[in-house]
């Protein structure tokens, strides 16, 4: 495996955050479109719309963030298992709270946006400081950039 570079400069940290937010916006679009189709066209309950929507958004986000944001060459099944563990906590909690909020009369799209924002923040922290903590900048893309900057 390539040399680990987990210490980022302030500039690299900002770029990493910006990339994560941009790719998360892509995840958010996927999640919102799927949620809207299931909620508006299929008339599913909140949780029935939310679960497939967040699952598809997470799969997209994992794929692009692993390659382009964290540039990790680590073991994919291990990284996926760690992310799955995080989502085994986040998804049931956010689904339950979202269902409660909707049943209390809160608009489901307000609930969805608040859930997505909390997911953005907590997922970045989990990815940065747990999943990819020791494997950032180890993939071929990072190595090419390193060679290019020499």
C-alpha atoms as a PDB file:
ATOM      1  CA  UNK A   1       0.000   0.000   0.000  1.00  0.00           C
ATOM      2  CA  UNK A   2       1.125   3.541  -0.613  1.00  0.00           C
ATOM      3  CA  UNK A   3       2.543   5.779   2.059  1.00  0.00           C
ATOM      4  CA  UNK A   4      -0.126   7.132   4.427  1.00  0.00           C
ATOM      5  CA  UNK A   5      -0.570  10.859   4.594  1.00  0.00           C
ATOM      6  CA  UNK A   6      -3.186  11.621   7.188  1.00  0.00           C
ATOM      7  CA  UNK A   7      -1.910  15.030   8.259  1.00  0.00           C
ATOM      8  CA  UNK A   8      -3.556  17.605   6.032  1.00  0.00           C
ATOM      9  CA  UNK A   9      -2.588  21.222   5.606  1.00  0.00           C
ATOM     10  CA  UNK A  10      -5.325  23.768   6.328  1.00  0.00           C
ATOM     11  CA  UNK A  11      -5.761  24.245   2.565  1.00  0.00           C
ATOM     12  CA  UNK A  12      -6.085  20.479   1.998  1.00  0.00           C
ATOM     13  CA  UNK A  13      -8.636  20.270   4.819  1.00  0.00           C
ATOM     14  CA  UNK A  14     -10.761  23.013   3.278  1.00  0.00           C
ATOM     15  CA  UNK A  15     -10.578  21.368  -0.149  1.00  0.00           C
ATOM     16  CA  UNK A  16     -11.583  18.050   1.416  1.00  0.00           C
ATOM     17  CA  UNK A  17     -14.591  19.642   3.146  1.00  0.00           C
ATOM     18  CA  UNK A  18     -15.665  21.406  -0.061  1.00  0.00           C
ATOM     19  CA  UNK A  19     -15.403  18.167  -2.058  1.00  0.00           C
ATOM     20  CA  UNK A  20     -17.390  16.297   0.579  1.00  0.00           C
ATOM     21  CA  UNK A  21     -20.129  18.943   0.530  1.00  0.00           C
ATOM     22  CA  UNK A  22     -20.281  18.996  -3.285  1.00  0.00           C
ATOM     23  CA  UNK A  23     -20.483  15.199  -3.554  1.00  0.00           C
ATOM     24  CA  UNK A  24     -22.994  15.155  -0.708  1.00  0.00           C
ATOM     25  CA  UNK A  25     -25.119  17.563  -2.705  1.00  0.00           C
ATOM     26  CA  UNK A  26     -25.165  14.900  -5.432  1.00  0.00           C
ATOM     27  CA  UNK A  27     -26.215  12.365  -2.819  1.00  0.00           C
ATOM     28  CA  UNK A  28     -28.835  14.815  -1.634  1.00  0.00           C
ATOM     29  CA  UNK A  29     -30.256  15.189  -5.138  1.00  0.00           C
ATOM     30  CA  UNK A  30     -30.513  11.410  -5.464  1.00  0.00           C
ATOM     31  CA  UNK A  31     -32.096  11.132  -2.030  1.00  0.00           C
ATOM     32  CA  UNK A  32     -34.565  13.965  -2.672  1.00  0.00           C
ATOM     33  CA  UNK A  33     -35.640  12.675  -6.088  1.00  0.00           C
ATOM     34  CA  UNK A  34     -36.183   9.125  -4.823  1.00  0.00           C
ATOM     35  CA  UNK A  35     -37.968  10.401  -1.695  1.00  0.00           C
ATOM     36  CA  UNK A  36     -40.214  12.682  -3.751  1.00  0.00           C
ATOM     37  CA  UNK A  37     -41.155   9.942  -6.213  1.00  0.00           C
ATOM     38  CA  UNK A  38     -41.997   7.503  -3.439  1.00  0.00           C
ATOM     39  CA  UNK A  39     -43.756  10.119  -1.296  1.00  0.00           C
ATOM     40  CA  UNK A  40     -45.698  12.021  -3.971  1.00  0.00           C
ATOM     41  CA  UNK A  41     -46.269   9.464  -6.724  1.00  0.00           C
ATOM     42  CA  UNK A  42     -46.407   6.230  -4.748  1.00  0.00           C
ATOM     43  CA  UNK A  43     -47.940   7.815  -1.595  1.00  0.00           C
ATOM     44  CA  UNK A  44     -45.655   5.850   0.709  1.00  0.00           C
ATOM     45  CA  UNK A  45     -45.357   6.732   4.387  1.00  0.00           C
ATOM     46  CA  UNK A  46     -42.367   8.844   5.460  1.00  0.00           C
ATOM     47  CA  UNK A  47     -40.170   5.905   6.477  1.00  0.00           C
ATOM     48  CA  UNK A  48     -41.043   3.915   3.331  1.00  0.00           C
ATOM     49  CA  UNK A  49     -39.900   6.843   1.209  1.00  0.00           C
ATOM     50  CA  UNK A  50     -36.910   7.738   3.366  1.00  0.00           C
ATOM     51  CA  UNK A  51     -35.194   4.346   3.663  1.00  0.00           C
ATOM     52  CA  UNK A  52     -34.654   3.600  -0.046  1.00  0.00           C
ATOM     53  CA  UNK A  53     -33.829   7.250  -0.701  1.00  0.00           C
ATOM     54  CA  UNK A  54     -31.084   7.480   1.906  1.00  0.00           C
ATOM     55  CA  UNK A  55     -29.708   4.067   0.920  1.00  0.00           C
ATOM     56  CA  UNK A  56     -29.197   5.117  -2.699  1.00  0.00           C
ATOM     57  CA  UNK A  57     -27.726   8.472  -1.649  1.00  0.00           C
ATOM     58  CA  UNK A  58     -25.297   6.771   0.730  1.00  0.00           C
ATOM     59  CA  UNK A  59     -24.087   4.312  -1.927  1.00  0.00           C
ATOM     60  CA  UNK A  60     -23.345   7.155  -4.332  1.00  0.00           C
ATOM     61  CA  UNK A  61     -21.649   9.237  -1.625  1.00  0.00           C
ATOM     62  CA  UNK A  62     -19.500   6.350  -0.422  1.00  0.00           C
ATOM     63  CA  UNK A  63     -18.280   5.634  -3.928  1.00  0.00           C
ATOM     64  CA  UNK A  64     -17.295   9.164  -4.932  1.00  0.00           C
ATOM     65  CA  UNK A  65     -16.015  10.324  -1.556  1.00  0.00           C
ATOM     66  CA  UNK A  66     -13.783   7.288  -1.117  1.00  0.00           C
ATOM     67  CA  UNK A  67     -12.147   7.892  -4.491  1.00  0.00           C
ATOM     68  CA  UNK A  68     -12.068  11.679  -4.858  1.00  0.00           C
ATOM     69  CA  UNK A  69     -12.465  13.274  -1.408  1.00  0.00           C
ATOM     70  CA  UNK A  70     -10.481  10.969   0.851  1.00  0.00           C
ATOM     71  CA  UNK A  71      -8.468   9.315  -1.954  1.00  0.00           C
ATOM     72  CA  UNK A  72      -8.343   6.075  -0.037  1.00  0.00           C
ATOM     73  CA  UNK A  73      -6.858   2.780  -1.148  1.00  0.00           C
ATOM     74  CA  UNK A  74      -8.060   0.989   1.983  1.00  0.00           C
ATOM     75  CA  UNK A  75     -10.012  -2.243   2.025  1.00  0.00           C
ATOM     76  CA  UNK A  76     -13.471  -1.502   0.558  1.00  0.00           C
ATOM     77  CA  UNK A  77     -15.375  -4.117   2.612  1.00  0.00           C
ATOM     78  CA  UNK A  78     -13.878  -2.777   5.841  1.00  0.00           C
ATOM     79  CA  UNK A  79     -14.707   0.819   4.901  1.00  0.00           C
ATOM     80  CA  UNK A  80     -18.240  -0.230   3.938  1.00  0.00           C
ATOM     81  CA  UNK A  81     -18.660  -2.137   7.199  1.00  0.00           C
ATOM     82  CA  UNK A  82     -17.630   0.926   9.195  1.00  0.00           C
ATOM     83  CA  UNK A  83     -20.022   3.115   7.225  1.00  0.00           C
ATOM     84  CA  UNK A  84     -22.774   0.522   7.643  1.00  0.00           C
ATOM     85  CA  UNK A  85     -22.199   0.594  11.404  1.00  0.00           C
ATOM     86  CA  UNK A  86     -22.621   4.391  11.411  1.00  0.00           C
ATOM     87  CA  UNK A  87     -25.803   4.114   9.361  1.00  0.00           C
ATOM     88  CA  UNK A  88     -27.140   1.336  11.618  1.00  0.00           C
ATOM     89  CA  UNK A  89     -27.287   4.076  14.229  1.00  0.00           C
ATOM     90  CA  UNK A  90     -28.127   7.090  12.059  1.00  0.00           C
ATOM     91  CA  UNK A  91     -30.879   5.628   9.857  1.00  0.00           C
ATOM     92  CA  UNK A  92     -33.098   4.114  12.573  1.00  0.00           C
ATOM     93  CA  UNK A  93     -32.711   7.215  14.719  1.00  0.00           C
ATOM     94  CA  UNK A  94     -33.432   9.644  11.894  1.00  0.00           C
ATOM     95  CA  UNK A  95     -36.281   7.489  10.563  1.00  0.00           C
ATOM     96  CA  UNK A  96     -37.923   7.320  13.977  1.00  0.00           C
ATOM     97  CA  UNK A  97     -37.502  11.031  14.640  1.00  0.00           C
ATOM     98  CA  UNK A  98     -38.679  11.881  11.124  1.00  0.00           C
ATOM     99  CA  UNK A  99     -41.748   9.706  11.514  1.00  0.00           C
ATOM    100  CA  UNK A 100     -42.492  11.340  14.874  1.00  0.00           C
ATOM    101  CA  UNK A 101     -42.084  14.824  13.431  1.00  0.00           C
ATOM    102  CA  UNK A 102     -44.322  14.064  10.464  1.00  0.00           C
ATOM    103  CA  UNK A 103     -47.014  12.574  12.709  1.00  0.00           C
ATOM    104  CA  UNK A 104     -46.819  15.760  14.802  1.00  0.00           C
ATOM    105  CA  UNK A 105     -47.643  17.782  11.697  1.00  0.00           C
ATOM    106  CA  UNK A 106     -44.155  18.870  10.615  1.00  0.00           C
ATOM    107  CA  UNK A 107     -43.846  18.948   6.826  1.00  0.00           C
ATOM    108  CA  UNK A 108     -41.976  15.880   5.585  1.00  0.00           C
ATOM    109  CA  UNK A 109     -39.651  17.998   3.433  1.00  0.00           C
ATOM    110  CA  UNK A 110     -38.573  20.092   6.429  1.00  0.00           C
ATOM    111  CA  UNK A 111     -37.835  16.833   8.231  1.00  0.00           C
ATOM    112  CA  UNK A 112     -35.931  15.551   5.197  1.00  0.00           C
ATOM    113  CA  UNK A 113     -33.760  18.690   4.917  1.00  0.00           C
ATOM    114  CA  UNK A 114     -32.937  18.709   8.642  1.00  0.00           C
ATOM    115  CA  UNK A 115     -32.077  15.014   8.484  1.00  0.00           C
ATOM    116  CA  UNK A 116     -29.872  15.559   5.444  1.00  0.00           C
ATOM    117  CA  UNK A 117     -28.000  18.414   7.160  1.00  0.00           C
ATOM    118  CA  UNK A 118     -27.347  16.336  10.278  1.00  0.00           C
ATOM    119  CA  UNK A 119     -26.237  13.472   8.040  1.00  0.00           C
ATOM    120  CA  UNK A 120     -23.842  15.776   6.159  1.00  0.00           C
ATOM    121  CA  UNK A 121     -22.096  16.906   9.328  1.00  0.00           C
ATOM    122  CA  UNK A 122     -21.959  13.598  11.164  1.00  0.00           C
ATOM    123  CA  UNK A 123     -21.042  11.574   8.055  1.00  0.00           C
ATOM    124  CA  UNK A 124     -18.114  13.875   7.291  1.00  0.00           C
ATOM    125  CA  UNK A 125     -16.790  13.468  10.814  1.00  0.00           C
ATOM    126  CA  UNK A 126     -17.216   9.683  10.724  1.00  0.00           C
ATOM    127  CA  UNK A 127     -15.517   9.416   7.322  1.00  0.00           C
ATOM    128  CA  UNK A 128     -12.671  11.798   8.086  1.00  0.00           C
ATOM    129  CA  UNK A 129     -11.800  10.735  11.615  1.00  0.00           C
ATOM    130  CA  UNK A 130     -12.735   7.049  11.664  1.00  0.00           C
ATOM    131  CA  UNK A 131     -13.240   5.354   8.302  1.00  0.00           C
ATOM    132  CA  UNK A 132     -10.421   7.019   6.363  1.00  0.00           C
ATOM    133  CA  UNK A 133      -8.333   8.317   9.271  1.00  0.00           C
ATOM    134  CA  UNK A 134      -5.268   6.240   8.393  1.00  0.00           C
ATOM    135  CA  UNK A 135      -5.762   5.798   4.664  1.00  0.00           C
ATOM    136  CA  UNK A 136      -6.299   9.244   3.178  1.00  0.00           C
ATOM    137  CA  UNK A 137      -4.288  10.098   0.073  1.00  0.00           C
ATOM    138  CA  UNK A 138      -3.236   6.499  -0.553  1.00  0.00           C
ATOM    139  CA  UNK A 139      -4.998   5.669  -3.817  1.00  0.00           C
ATOM    140  CA  UNK A 140      -3.568   5.984  -7.343  1.00  0.00           C
ATOM    141  CA  UNK A 141      -5.185   9.400  -7.842  1.00  0.00           C
ATOM    142  CA  UNK A 142      -3.415  10.769  -4.768  1.00  0.00           C
ATOM    143  CA  UNK A 143      -0.114   9.234  -5.846  1.00  0.00           C
ATOM    144  CA  UNK A 144      -0.411  10.831  -9.305  1.00  0.00           C
ATOM    145  CA  UNK A 145      -1.103  14.204  -7.697  1.00  0.00           C
ATOM    146  CA  UNK A 146       1.869  13.739  -5.393  1.00  0.00           C
ATOM    147  CA  UNK A 147       4.170  12.965  -8.351  1.00  0.00           C
ATOM    148  CA  UNK A 148       2.775  15.887 -10.322  1.00  0.00           C
ATOM    149  CA  UNK A 149       3.479  18.300  -7.453  1.00  0.00           C
ATOM    150  CA  UNK A 150       7.119  17.199  -7.076  1.00  0.00           C
END
